[in-house]
Protein backbone atom coordinates (compact mmCIF):
# COMPACT_ATOMS: atom_id res chain seq x y z
CA MET A 1 4.79 12.73 -7.15
CA ALA A 2 6.88 12.76 -10.57
CA SER A 3 6.60 15.58 -12.88
CA SER A 4 5.35 13.41 -15.61
CA SER A 5 3.45 10.31 -14.48
CA SER A 6 1.83 7.88 -17.01
CA THR A 7 -0.22 4.55 -16.86
CA HIS A 8 -0.60 2.46 -20.16
CA MET A 9 -2.53 -0.84 -20.79
CA ILE A 10 -1.25 -3.01 -23.24
CA PRO A 11 -3.26 -5.69 -24.78
CA TYR A 12 -1.25 -8.91 -25.36
CA SER A 13 -1.90 -11.75 -27.60
CA SER A 14 1.26 -13.62 -27.89
CA SER A 15 4.78 -14.29 -26.71
CA SER A 16 8.79 -14.54 -27.79
CA THR A 17 12.07 -16.01 -27.07
CA PHE A 18 14.73 -14.64 -24.64
CA ASP A 19 18.28 -15.54 -24.14
CA SER A 20 18.71 -16.71 -20.56
CA HIS A 21 22.25 -16.18 -18.94
CA SER A 22 24.21 -18.64 -17.50
CA ARG A 23 24.13 -19.46 -13.79
CA TRP A 24 26.86 -18.71 -10.95
CA SER A 25 26.50 -19.65 -7.30
CA TRP A 26 27.48 -15.93 -6.33
CA ASP A 27 26.94 -12.54 -7.72
CA VAL A 28 29.85 -11.07 -5.84
CA PHE A 29 33.29 -12.47 -4.01
CA LEU A 30 34.44 -9.97 -1.63
CA SER A 31 38.34 -10.38 -0.94
CA PHE A 32 39.52 -7.99 1.79
CA ARG A 33 41.99 -7.90 4.80
CA VAL A 34 39.80 -8.60 7.79
CA LYS A 35 41.87 -6.57 10.14
CA ASP A 36 41.62 -3.38 8.19
CA THR A 37 37.97 -3.02 6.95
CA ARG A 38 35.99 -5.93 8.47
CA ARG A 39 34.14 -3.61 11.01
CA SER A 40 34.07 -0.46 8.60
CA PHE A 41 33.99 -0.02 4.78
CA THR A 42 33.82 -3.74 3.96
CA ASP A 43 30.89 -4.39 6.36
CA HIS A 44 28.96 -1.48 4.96
CA LEU A 45 29.56 -2.41 1.46
CA TYR A 46 28.49 -5.97 2.18
CA SER A 47 25.38 -4.90 4.14
CA ALA A 48 24.26 -2.79 1.05
CA LEU A 49 24.91 -5.61 -1.37
CA ILE A 50 22.66 -7.78 0.75
CA ARG A 51 19.87 -4.99 1.17
CA CYS A 52 19.96 -5.02 -2.69
CA ASN A 53 19.66 -8.78 -3.02
CA ILE A 54 22.96 -9.24 -4.39
CA LYS A 55 24.18 -12.69 -3.40
CA THR A 56 27.68 -12.03 -1.85
CA PHE A 57 30.28 -14.49 -0.45
CA ARG A 58 32.35 -12.94 2.45
CA ASP A 59 34.74 -15.08 4.29
CA ASP A 60 35.91 -13.65 7.68
CA GLU A 61 39.06 -16.23 7.88
CA GLY A 62 36.47 -19.10 8.44
CA LEU A 63 38.16 -21.06 5.23
CA ARG A 64 41.67 -19.55 5.85
CA LYS A 65 43.33 -22.06 7.67
CA GLY A 66 46.73 -23.60 7.32
CA GLU A 67 49.26 -22.80 4.71
CA GLU A 68 47.25 -23.26 1.55
CA ILE A 69 44.12 -21.47 0.57
CA SER A 70 40.94 -23.77 0.95
CA PRO A 71 39.33 -25.59 -1.83
CA GLU A 72 35.97 -24.01 -0.91
CA LEU A 73 37.38 -20.44 -0.94
CA LEU A 74 38.79 -21.24 -4.49
CA GLN A 75 35.46 -22.70 -5.52
CA ALA A 76 33.62 -19.56 -4.33
CA ILE A 77 35.77 -17.30 -6.46
CA GLU A 78 35.47 -19.51 -9.59
CA GLU A 79 31.42 -19.39 -8.99
CA SER A 80 31.39 -15.76 -8.78
CA THR A 81 30.24 -13.35 -11.58
CA ILE A 82 32.20 -10.28 -9.93
CA ALA A 83 35.22 -10.36 -7.57
CA VAL A 84 35.35 -6.92 -5.56
CA VAL A 85 38.92 -6.49 -4.07
CA VAL A 86 39.61 -4.05 -1.16
CA PHE A 87 43.02 -3.24 -1.31
CA SER A 88 43.95 -1.66 2.21
CA LYS A 89 47.15 -0.84 4.07
CA ASN A 90 47.65 -4.40 5.36
CA TYR A 91 46.06 -6.48 2.42
CA ALA A 92 49.59 -7.50 0.94
CA ASP A 93 50.69 -8.83 4.39
CA SER A 94 48.20 -11.69 4.17
CA LYS A 95 49.21 -14.58 2.04
CA TRP A 96 45.53 -15.78 1.91
CA CYS A 97 44.48 -12.26 0.34
CA LEU A 98 47.49 -12.79 -2.10
CA GLU A 99 46.36 -16.18 -2.96
CA GLU A 100 42.81 -15.06 -3.57
CA LEU A 101 43.99 -12.04 -5.78
CA VAL A 102 46.23 -14.69 -8.02
CA LYS A 103 42.96 -16.89 -8.22
CA ILE A 104 40.78 -13.92 -9.10
CA ILE A 105 42.91 -12.61 -11.87
CA ASN A 106 42.92 -16.24 -13.41
CA CYS A 107 39.42 -16.26 -13.46
CA LYS A 108 39.23 -12.91 -14.86
CA GLU A 109 41.39 -14.33 -17.87
CA GLU A 110 40.01 -17.63 -18.10
CA ARG A 111 36.32 -17.17 -17.36
CA GLU A 112 35.71 -13.33 -17.98
CA GLN A 113 34.88 -12.57 -14.46
CA LYS A 114 34.69 -8.92 -13.70
CA VAL A 115 36.92 -7.50 -11.27
CA ILE A 116 36.33 -4.29 -9.20
CA PRO A 117 39.16 -2.93 -7.18
CA ILE A 118 38.91 -0.51 -4.54
CA PHE A 119 41.85 1.17 -2.99
CA TYR A 120 40.95 2.01 0.44
CA HIS A 121 43.40 4.44 1.93
CA VAL A 122 46.05 3.58 -0.22
CA ASP A 123 47.21 5.10 -3.68
CA PRO A 124 46.42 2.98 -6.73
CA SER A 125 50.24 3.52 -7.96
CA GLU A 126 51.35 1.75 -4.90
CA VAL A 127 49.47 -1.35 -5.44
CA ARG A 128 50.35 -1.34 -9.34
CA ASN A 129 54.10 -0.71 -8.51
CA GLN A 130 54.36 -2.45 -5.17
CA ARG A 131 55.79 0.73 -3.68
CA GLU A 132 55.96 1.94 0.04
CA ILE A 133 53.86 -0.29 2.46
CA TYR A 134 53.34 -2.68 -0.17
CA LYS A 135 56.78 -3.04 -1.12
CA GLU A 136 57.67 -3.37 2.62
CA ALA A 137 55.02 -6.33 2.93
CA PHE A 138 56.66 -8.02 -0.13
CA THR A 139 60.12 -7.45 1.35
CA ARG A 140 59.09 -9.41 4.41
CA HIS A 141 57.54 -12.30 2.64
CA GLU A 142 60.88 -12.60 0.78
CA GLU A 143 62.85 -12.95 4.04
CA ASN A 144 64.30 -16.61 4.04
CA ALA A 145 61.89 -17.77 1.36
CA ASP A 146 63.03 -20.92 -0.66
CA GLU A 147 62.75 -20.89 -4.56
CA GLU A 148 59.07 -22.06 -4.30
CA LYS A 149 57.89 -19.45 -2.02
CA ARG A 150 59.80 -16.97 -4.53
CA GLY A 151 57.69 -18.35 -7.41
CA LYS A 152 54.76 -17.72 -5.43
CA ILE A 153 55.86 -14.41 -4.62
CA ARG A 154 56.43 -13.37 -8.23
CA ARG A 155 52.73 -14.63 -9.04
CA TRP A 156 51.39 -12.40 -6.24
CA LYS A 157 53.29 -9.26 -7.63
CA THR A 158 52.08 -10.08 -11.18
CA ALA A 159 48.25 -10.32 -10.08
CA MET A 160 48.65 -7.34 -7.95
CA ARG A 161 50.37 -5.40 -10.84
CA GLU A 162 47.20 -6.50 -13.12
CA ALA A 163 44.75 -5.56 -10.67
CA GLY A 164 46.34 -2.20 -10.06
CA LYS A 165 45.64 -1.43 -13.65
CA LEU A 166 42.09 -1.90 -13.65
CA ALA A 167 39.64 0.97 -13.42
CA GLY A 168 38.00 0.91 -9.72
CA TYR A 169 37.22 3.25 -6.87
CA ASP A 170 39.63 5.31 -4.95
CA VAL A 171 38.54 5.85 -1.45
CA LYS A 172 40.73 8.52 0.37
CA VAL A 173 40.46 9.43 4.27
CA ASP A 174 38.11 12.31 3.44
CA SER A 175 35.98 10.46 0.94
CA TYR A 176 32.22 10.10 1.43
CA GLU A 177 32.12 6.38 1.67
CA SER A 178 28.39 6.27 1.60
CA GLU A 179 28.57 7.62 -1.94
CA ILE A 180 31.11 5.54 -3.12
CA ILE A 181 29.36 2.38 -2.16
CA HIS A 182 26.29 3.69 -3.75
CA ASP A 183 28.45 3.88 -7.17
CA ILE A 184 29.76 0.57 -6.45
CA ILE A 185 26.18 -1.12 -6.11
CA LYS A 186 24.94 0.61 -9.28
CA GLU A 187 27.87 -0.76 -11.24
CA ILE A 188 27.20 -4.13 -9.86
CA ARG A 189 23.61 -4.21 -10.50
CA GLY A 190 24.33 -3.11 -14.09
CA THR A 191 26.52 -6.16 -14.56
CA ILE A 192 24.64 -9.08 -12.94
CA PRO A 193 22.02 -10.96 -14.97
CA MET A 194 18.85 -10.94 -13.04
CA VAL A 195 17.33 -13.98 -14.30
CA LEU A 196 13.99 -15.73 -13.76
CA ASP A 197 12.90 -18.95 -15.44
CA VAL A 198 11.19 -18.23 -18.76
CA ASN A 199 10.11 -20.37 -21.85
CA GLU A 200 12.88 -19.73 -24.47
CA ASN A 201 11.29 -21.51 -27.49
CA ILE A 202 8.26 -19.07 -27.79
CA VAL A 203 8.18 -16.85 -31.09
CA GLY A 204 7.13 -13.29 -31.43
CA MET A 205 8.00 -11.90 -28.09
CA ASP A 206 10.59 -9.51 -29.12
CA SER A 207 8.73 -6.78 -30.50
CA ARG A 208 6.31 -6.86 -27.79
CA LEU A 209 9.32 -6.67 -25.35
CA GLU A 210 10.54 -3.47 -27.07
CA ARG A 211 7.03 -2.12 -26.86
CA LEU A 212 6.86 -2.66 -23.15
CA ILE A 213 10.39 -1.16 -22.48
CA SER A 214 9.37 1.91 -24.80
CA ALA A 215 6.27 2.41 -22.58
CA LEU A 216 8.22 2.27 -19.31
CA HIS A 217 10.37 5.43 -20.13
CA ILE A 218 13.46 3.72 -18.24
CA GLN A 219 15.59 6.27 -19.19
CA SER A 220 13.76 9.19 -17.94
CA ASN A 221 14.66 10.37 -14.36
CA ASP A 222 11.22 12.23 -13.83
CA ASP A 223 9.00 9.56 -15.06
CA VAL A 224 7.06 6.98 -12.61
CA CYS A 225 5.10 4.64 -15.07
CA ILE A 226 2.47 1.88 -14.38
CA VAL A 227 2.21 -0.38 -17.36
CA GLY A 228 -0.68 -3.02 -17.37
CA VAL A 229 -0.37 -6.33 -19.74
CA CYS A 230 -4.11 -7.60 -20.31
CA GLY A 231 -5.47 -10.47 -22.14
CA LEU A 232 -7.11 -13.81 -22.06
CA GLY A 233 -5.65 -16.44 -19.63
CA GLY A 234 -2.95 -18.68 -21.05
CA ILE A 235 -1.63 -16.68 -23.95
CA GLY A 236 1.71 -15.84 -22.39
CA LYS A 237 1.32 -12.57 -20.12
CA THR A 238 3.51 -13.93 -17.34
CA THR A 239 5.93 -15.18 -19.99
CA ILE A 240 6.45 -11.79 -21.35
CA ILE A 241 6.73 -9.87 -17.99
CA THR A 242 9.21 -12.48 -16.62
CA ALA A 243 11.24 -11.91 -19.86
CA LEU A 244 10.85 -8.08 -19.43
CA TYR A 245 12.04 -8.81 -15.75
CA ASN A 246 15.39 -10.54 -17.34
CA ARG A 247 15.86 -7.69 -19.59
CA ILE A 248 15.70 -4.54 -17.54
CA SER A 249 15.88 -5.36 -13.83
CA ASN A 250 19.64 -4.36 -13.59
CA GLN A 251 18.61 -0.95 -14.46
CA PHE A 252 16.82 -0.22 -11.10
CA GLN A 253 17.86 0.03 -7.56
CA SER A 254 15.83 -2.72 -6.55
CA THR A 255 13.03 -5.15 -7.79
CA SER A 256 10.28 -7.15 -6.52
CA PHE A 257 8.31 -9.81 -8.48
CA LEU A 258 5.05 -10.62 -6.76
CA THR A 259 3.44 -13.67 -8.24
CA ASN A 260 -0.12 -15.35 -8.00
CA VAL A 261 -1.24 -12.01 -6.40
CA ARG A 262 -4.75 -12.77 -6.91
CA GLU A 263 -4.70 -16.07 -5.14
CA LYS A 264 -2.65 -15.00 -2.32
CA SER A 265 -4.73 -11.81 -1.42
CA ALA A 266 -7.80 -13.97 -1.45
CA LYS A 267 -6.61 -15.30 2.13
CA ASP A 268 -7.15 -12.92 5.20
CA SER A 269 -3.52 -12.20 5.50
CA GLY A 270 -2.67 -12.43 1.97
CA LEU A 271 -2.34 -8.76 0.97
CA LEU A 272 -0.25 -8.09 4.31
CA GLU A 273 2.16 -11.06 3.27
CA LEU A 274 2.52 -9.58 -0.34
CA GLN A 275 3.34 -6.01 1.13
CA GLN A 276 5.79 -7.86 3.37
CA GLN A 277 7.37 -9.33 0.38
CA LEU A 278 7.65 -6.12 -1.53
CA LEU A 279 9.38 -4.39 1.25
CA ASP A 280 11.61 -7.36 1.97
CA ASP A 281 12.58 -7.50 -1.72
CA THR A 282 13.18 -3.71 -2.48
CA LEU A 283 14.66 -2.83 1.03
CA GLY A 284 16.44 -5.69 1.84
CA VAL A 285 14.92 -5.84 5.46
CA ARG A 286 14.18 -9.48 5.55
CA GLY A 287 13.50 -10.20 9.16
CA GLN A 288 14.10 -6.54 10.28
CA LEU A 289 10.67 -5.04 9.61
CA THR A 290 7.43 -6.85 10.60
CA LEU A 291 4.08 -5.24 9.58
CA LYS A 292 1.09 -5.24 11.69
CA ASN A 293 -1.71 -4.55 9.28
CA ILE A 294 -1.99 -3.54 5.55
CA HIS A 295 -2.77 0.18 6.43
CA GLU A 296 0.70 0.17 8.02
CA GLY A 297 2.04 -1.49 4.95
CA VAL A 298 0.63 1.09 2.73
CA LYS A 299 2.50 3.89 4.90
CA VAL A 300 5.86 2.22 4.81
CA ILE A 301 5.75 1.37 1.24
CA LYS A 302 4.96 5.20 0.53
CA ASP A 303 7.37 6.40 2.70
CA ARG A 304 10.46 4.13 1.92
CA LEU A 305 10.21 3.53 -1.60
CA SER A 306 9.37 7.11 -2.76
CA SER A 307 12.82 7.71 -2.80
CA LYS A 308 14.12 4.64 -4.68
CA LYS A 309 13.96 3.81 -8.30
CA VAL A 310 12.48 0.46 -8.07
CA LEU A 311 10.87 -2.20 -10.28
CA VAL A 312 7.84 -3.89 -9.12
CA PHE A 313 5.87 -6.68 -11.10
CA LEU A 314 2.60 -7.78 -9.94
CA ASP A 315 1.74 -11.06 -11.78
CA ASP A 316 -2.04 -12.13 -11.96
CA ILE A 317 -4.13 -9.30 -10.57
CA ASP A 318 -7.98 -8.88 -10.91
CA ASN A 319 -8.96 -6.49 -8.20
CA ARG A 320 -8.44 -2.88 -7.81
CA ARG A 321 -7.91 -3.68 -4.34
CA GLU A 322 -4.76 -5.47 -4.74
CA LEU A 323 -3.50 -2.24 -6.75
CA GLU A 324 -4.26 0.09 -4.11
CA HIS A 325 -2.61 -1.82 -1.36
CA LEU A 326 0.76 -2.50 -3.24
CA VAL A 327 1.49 0.14 -5.69
CA GLY A 328 -1.41 2.72 -4.93
CA LYS A 329 -0.34 5.63 -6.81
CA HIS A 330 2.40 7.22 -8.84
CA SER A 331 3.58 9.36 -6.08
CA TRP A 332 4.17 6.24 -3.95
CA PHE A 333 7.51 5.96 -5.97
CA GLY A 334 10.27 7.84 -7.55
CA HIS A 335 13.51 7.51 -9.49
CA GLY A 336 15.21 8.93 -6.28
CA THR A 337 13.80 11.82 -4.82
CA LEU A 338 15.80 12.07 -1.82
CA GLN A 339 18.76 11.39 -4.10
CA LEU A 340 17.65 14.32 -6.53
CA PHE A 341 17.13 16.59 -3.77
CA CYS A 342 20.59 15.84 -2.21
CA SER A 343 22.30 16.18 -5.74
CA TYR A 344 21.43 19.74 -5.61
CA ALA A 345 21.45 20.54 -1.75
CA PHE A 346 24.78 18.80 -0.89
CA LYS A 347 26.04 18.05 -4.70
CA GLN A 348 26.42 14.42 -3.56
CA HIS A 349 23.66 11.42 -3.48
CA LEU A 350 23.02 11.34 0.39
CA PRO A 351 22.34 14.10 2.96
CA GLY A 352 25.04 15.67 4.94
CA LYS A 353 25.72 14.82 8.49
CA GLY A 354 23.09 16.37 10.52
CA TYR A 355 20.68 17.05 7.80
CA LYS A 356 19.08 13.63 7.30
CA ASP A 357 15.62 14.44 8.92
CA LEU A 358 15.69 17.90 7.55
CA SER A 359 16.03 16.70 4.11
CA THR A 360 13.28 14.12 4.69
CA ARG A 361 10.97 16.96 5.58
CA VAL A 362 11.91 19.07 2.44
CA VAL A 363 11.22 15.88 0.14
CA ARG A 364 7.78 15.40 1.99
CA TYR A 365 7.05 18.98 1.51
CA ALA A 366 7.88 18.56 -2.31
CA ASP A 367 5.85 15.42 -2.47
CA GLY A 368 7.94 14.09 -5.12
CA LEU A 369 7.66 16.81 -7.46
CA PRO A 370 11.23 17.12 -9.22
CA LEU A 371 10.75 20.95 -10.11
CA SER A 372 10.17 21.53 -6.15
CA LEU A 373 13.32 19.38 -5.43
CA LYS A 374 15.69 21.06 -7.85
CA VAL A 375 14.66 24.37 -6.78
CA LEU A 376 14.55 23.73 -3.04
CA GLY A 377 17.81 21.78 -3.12
CA SER A 378 19.41 24.85 -4.92
CA LEU A 379 17.97 27.29 -2.40
CA LEU A 380 19.26 25.54 0.59
CA PHE A 381 22.70 24.54 -0.79
CA GLY A 382 25.59 25.73 1.47
CA LYS A 383 23.13 26.79 4.42
CA GLY A 384 23.35 25.84 8.02
CA VAL A 385 20.76 23.84 10.06
CA LYS A 386 19.24 27.09 11.49
CA ASP A 387 18.70 28.43 7.88
CA TRP A 388 17.17 25.24 6.89
CA LYS A 389 14.72 25.24 9.80
CA SER A 390 13.79 29.03 9.14
CA GLU A 391 13.07 28.12 5.39
CA LEU A 392 11.04 25.21 6.08
CA LYS A 393 8.96 27.14 8.47
CA LYS A 394 8.73 30.02 5.80
CA LEU A 395 7.59 27.36 3.10
CA GLN A 396 4.60 26.32 5.23
CA GLU A 397 3.31 30.04 4.93
CA VAL A 398 4.60 31.23 1.91
CA PRO A 399 5.41 28.98 -1.27
CA ASN A 400 8.61 29.53 -3.31
CA MET A 401 7.92 31.93 -6.16
CA GLU A 402 10.25 29.99 -8.63
CA ILE A 403 7.98 26.90 -8.05
CA THR A 404 4.78 28.79 -8.25
CA ASN A 405 5.60 30.80 -11.30
CA VAL A 406 6.17 27.50 -13.21
CA LEU A 407 2.86 25.79 -11.85
CA LYS A 408 0.91 28.97 -12.45
CA ILE A 409 1.42 28.35 -16.28
CA SER A 410 -1.24 25.57 -16.15
CA TYR A 411 -3.47 27.66 -14.08
CA ASP A 412 -3.41 30.64 -16.66
CA GLY A 413 -4.58 28.19 -19.39
CA LEU A 414 -8.12 27.78 -17.65
CA ASP A 415 -11.18 29.70 -18.59
CA HIS A 416 -12.96 31.86 -15.87
CA THR A 417 -15.25 29.30 -14.33
CA GLN A 418 -12.46 26.75 -14.27
CA LYS A 419 -10.19 28.97 -12.52
CA MET A 420 -12.82 29.78 -10.06
CA ILE A 421 -13.60 26.05 -9.37
CA PHE A 422 -9.77 25.33 -9.01
CA LEU A 423 -9.36 28.16 -6.34
CA ASP A 424 -12.39 26.89 -4.54
CA ILE A 425 -11.08 23.33 -4.40
CA ALA A 426 -7.68 24.43 -3.37
CA CYS A 427 -8.93 26.72 -0.62
CA PHE A 428 -11.66 24.80 0.80
CA PHE A 429 -12.57 21.40 -0.80
CA ASN A 430 -9.21 19.56 -1.32
CA GLY A 431 -9.99 16.03 -0.07
CA GLY A 432 -13.69 16.36 -0.23
CA HIS A 433 -16.03 14.04 -1.97
CA VAL A 434 -16.55 14.76 -5.37
CA GLU A 435 -20.10 14.64 -5.35
CA ILE A 436 -20.63 16.81 -2.60
CA VAL A 437 -18.20 19.38 -3.86
CA THR A 438 -20.19 19.53 -7.15
CA GLN A 439 -23.43 19.87 -5.47
CA VAL A 440 -21.90 22.87 -3.52
CA LEU A 441 -20.42 24.40 -6.59
CA ASP A 442 -23.41 23.90 -8.66
CA GLY A 443 -25.30 25.84 -5.93
CA SER A 444 -22.78 28.74 -7.01
CA GLY A 445 -24.09 28.64 -10.60
CA PHE A 446 -21.22 26.69 -12.03
CA LYS A 447 -21.49 23.81 -14.19
CA ALA A 448 -19.13 22.01 -11.81
CA LYS A 449 -18.82 18.65 -13.36
CA SER A 450 -17.57 19.99 -16.53
CA GLY A 451 -15.24 22.32 -14.78
CA ILE A 452 -13.99 19.40 -12.58
CA ASN A 453 -13.35 17.21 -15.44
CA ALA A 454 -11.33 19.75 -17.10
CA LEU A 455 -8.87 20.03 -13.90
CA VAL A 456 -8.46 16.42 -14.08
CA ASP A 457 -7.61 16.34 -17.83
CA ARG A 458 -4.96 19.02 -17.03
CA CYS A 459 -3.68 17.11 -14.25
CA LEU A 460 -4.49 19.81 -11.73
CA ILE A 461 -6.42 17.54 -9.40
CA THR A 462 -6.94 13.70 -9.46
CA ILE A 463 -10.06 11.72 -8.07
CA SER A 464 -9.30 9.01 -5.91
CA THR A 465 -10.95 5.38 -6.01
CA ASP A 466 -13.07 6.39 -3.00
CA LYS A 467 -14.06 9.49 -4.81
CA LYS A 468 -12.16 12.10 -3.01
CA ILE A 469 -10.78 15.07 -4.65
CA GLU A 470 -6.92 15.58 -4.22
CA MET A 471 -4.57 18.33 -5.22
CA HIS A 472 -0.87 18.56 -5.01
CA ASP A 473 0.33 20.54 -1.99
CA SER A 474 2.47 22.94 -4.44
CA LEU A 475 -0.67 23.70 -6.46
CA THR A 476 -2.72 24.14 -3.41
CA GLN A 477 -0.03 26.66 -2.10
CA MET A 478 0.08 28.43 -5.39
CA ALA A 479 -3.67 28.97 -5.42
CA LYS A 480 -3.79 30.47 -2.04
CA GLU A 481 -1.19 32.52 -2.91
CA ILE A 482 -3.25 33.86 -6.02
CA VAL A 483 -6.13 34.73 -3.69
CA TYR A 484 -3.86 36.22 -1.27
CA LYS A 485 -2.48 38.74 -3.86
CA GLU A 486 -6.02 40.03 -4.54
CA CYS A 487 -5.51 42.37 -1.59
CA PRO A 488 -2.57 41.38 0.72
CA ASN A 489 -3.19 44.11 3.33
CA GLU A 490 -7.01 43.68 3.59
CA PRO A 491 -8.59 40.16 4.11
CA GLY A 492 -12.09 41.47 3.59
CA GLU A 493 -11.31 42.68 0.03
CA ARG A 494 -10.17 38.92 -0.86
CA SER A 495 -12.48 36.60 -2.60
CA ARG A 496 -11.93 33.43 -0.14
CA LEU A 497 -11.04 33.19 3.38
CA TRP A 498 -9.87 30.35 5.41
CA LYS A 499 -7.22 31.51 8.08
CA HIS A 500 -8.70 31.86 11.50
CA GLU A 501 -7.30 35.44 12.18
CA ASP A 502 -8.38 36.80 8.66
CA VAL A 503 -11.95 35.29 9.45
CA CYS A 504 -12.20 36.93 13.03
CA ARG A 505 -10.86 40.13 11.61
CA VAL A 506 -13.55 40.45 8.69
CA LEU A 507 -16.41 39.31 10.93
CA THR A 508 -15.77 41.22 14.00
CA ILE A 509 -14.04 44.23 12.81
CA ASN A 510 -14.87 45.32 9.02
CA THR A 511 -17.68 43.60 7.71
CA LEU A 512 -18.57 46.39 5.33
CA LEU A 513 -15.50 45.51 3.24
CA MET A 514 -16.96 41.97 2.53
CA THR A 515 -18.04 43.00 -1.19
CA ARG A 516 -15.85 40.67 -3.27
CA LEU A 517 -16.42 37.50 -0.66
CA ARG A 518 -17.18 34.41 -2.12
CA VAL A 519 -16.44 31.80 0.56
CA LEU A 520 -15.15 31.89 3.98
CA VAL A 521 -14.92 29.02 6.54
CA VAL A 522 -15.86 29.80 10.23
CA ASP A 523 -14.85 27.73 13.24
CA ASN A 524 -17.88 28.04 15.71
CA ASN A 525 -15.44 27.57 18.60
CA GLN A 526 -13.07 30.05 17.70
CA VAL A 527 -15.07 32.95 16.13
CA LYS A 528 -16.99 35.04 18.64
CA LEU A 529 -19.63 37.37 16.97
CA TYR A 530 -21.30 40.17 18.73
CA GLU A 531 -25.07 39.74 19.53
CA ASP A 532 -26.02 42.41 16.91
CA PHE A 533 -24.04 41.01 14.01
CA ALA A 534 -25.44 40.88 10.73
CA PHE A 535 -23.92 40.46 7.35
CA PRO A 536 -23.97 43.72 5.13
CA SER A 537 -26.77 44.29 2.63
CA HIS A 538 -26.23 44.71 -0.93
CA ASP A 539 -28.01 46.41 -3.85
CA ASP A 540 -27.55 43.28 -5.73
CA LYS A 541 -29.67 40.26 -5.64
CA SER A 542 -27.89 37.73 -3.58
CA HIS A 543 -28.17 34.22 -1.98
CA LEU A 544 -25.97 32.80 0.61
CA GLY A 545 -25.06 28.95 0.35
CA TRP A 546 -23.98 27.34 3.57
CA LEU A 547 -22.41 24.05 5.11
CA PHE A 548 -21.68 22.57 8.39
CA PHE A 549 -23.55 25.10 10.59
CA SER A 550 -26.89 25.99 11.95
CA ILE A 551 -28.15 28.99 9.92
CA SER A 552 -30.66 30.19 12.70
CA THR A 553 -27.00 31.11 14.86
CA ILE A 554 -26.14 33.94 12.47
CA LYS A 555 -28.13 37.06 11.27
CA PHE A 556 -28.43 38.03 7.68
CA SER A 557 -29.98 40.99 5.90
CA TRP A 558 -30.72 38.47 3.06
CA LYS A 559 -34.11 36.60 2.64
CA GLN A 560 -34.42 33.33 3.99
CA SER A 561 -35.83 32.11 0.80
CA CYS A 562 -32.34 33.02 -0.85
CA ILE A 563 -30.55 30.69 1.27
CA SER A 564 -29.51 27.09 0.32
CA PRO A 565 -28.26 24.42 3.02
CA PHE A 566 -26.21 21.74 1.69
CA GLU A 567 -24.75 19.54 4.59
CA ARG A 568 -24.07 19.96 8.32
CA GLN A 569 -21.28 19.02 10.51
CA GLN A 570 -20.80 20.30 14.10
CA HIS A 571 -18.60 23.14 14.68
CA LYS A 572 -17.80 24.05 11.08
CA THR A 573 -19.35 26.55 8.80
CA THR A 574 -18.61 27.49 5.05
CA LEU A 575 -20.28 30.57 4.01
CA GLY A 576 -20.75 31.38 0.22
CA ARG A 577 -22.21 34.18 -1.79
CA LYS A 578 -22.96 34.79 -5.61
CA LEU A 579 -24.56 37.34 -8.00
CA VAL A 580 -27.78 35.96 -9.25
CA PRO A 581 -28.48 37.26 -13.03
């Protein structure tokens, strides 16, 4: 979950003009030497482009027949927004590659086509100045060449010289190719106009577009925002979000525009089809991933999109269920949680070889919290696989103190009652139904509803649509660490017990130490009590609130009139006590 998440509802009453972009048949034309990179770098680049829904022309010599470049190939170059030229060792050996290059440079000058050179295992100066292997290639072309061919060669050299001067990407033998491809995709996405049809003759939209863009916090790396545009039917809500899509879509790794959500979700399989489209659009997996049901869809969306900076539009929604199954919560999405973690753990955008699964485990542990990702990435940087596994095991038991100390600032700002409620929820009631938890806490003398609302306001807990209390894993660990530090060496002196071994020790060995105990959890199948077991008596007036267990099976020194039952469930017990004024 992002460290700063937000949801905005923007009322809407009218719309505005937005300039449309000229159309091209292709987003990208790939020029490359088939024998050099067809099954390696270029194939990986092409796959990444397709996954990002970037319409890419790639010819595998299907149109390279005869002595002259085919009209179809020339037309594809002319109708491409961007030309990507992969200069490799044998690029200059191919007359078709060289003819493509001449056409590309002409289009750059005459049609303002963007050209991105990639120098694959060759030095840019070799291309620019036709030295070494490129010089050798041109020497072979010049052998027995007549005047007409010499004129062609001069044009080839000029085009190559111009291309060699352009800013591009230098892929060396020891380069991380996946990282370079990531940067190329990012540049291309920032160039291509992602355009949907929108009415250009409506006035008054620009100011509202700017308001929407401001609410989205696009430049923030930590925010995950959900913005709603609401208003009467027919006033232009679809128009403005279409214009917004055209304005900002190129700033995201991938996008999805889901139309007619209300109508489609009314069908039996409608929500599943919308989930499938969302994943196809954002992951580029059309035909490769098939969802079986909407529950699997929710899981895949959460797992696969939490590490991507995505832009998702839902047009025409009128039901909470549609939101819950398509975009859920802020924590489903991220600006790139895996990428953020890797930038600290590996000093690059992707996990190192052999670390992908481990990196995914760390990201899941952090649950999208940027602070956790940065701290853990720095902690694991430069360490081996064994050290990673050891640290992960340790994190499951003891939270990282740097993260805990920052999160504890919010806890320290609570009053005494709010702190007690926070610790009870973290240790026992995370995931519990809010009404049942409120009833239990009220039985301890708290004004639970007020306290729970205060925790929600401070973003320490959330209440789901099905009324379940949810707390971030990092906050849960921090709370348990606070209780543990009440008395690290003696569980019986702590206010709350939840670990089986601690409960066993206290109930079977040293019950006399239970003077501070507020709540403990007992598993009836695991904790075996002696026949003469009884809770110790105290001078103060006390009562015992209990859950999930037959009270008659345990002996107490308190009067039965002081015991308050709440709810039963087989095999589990939660025991609590309080001081009565």
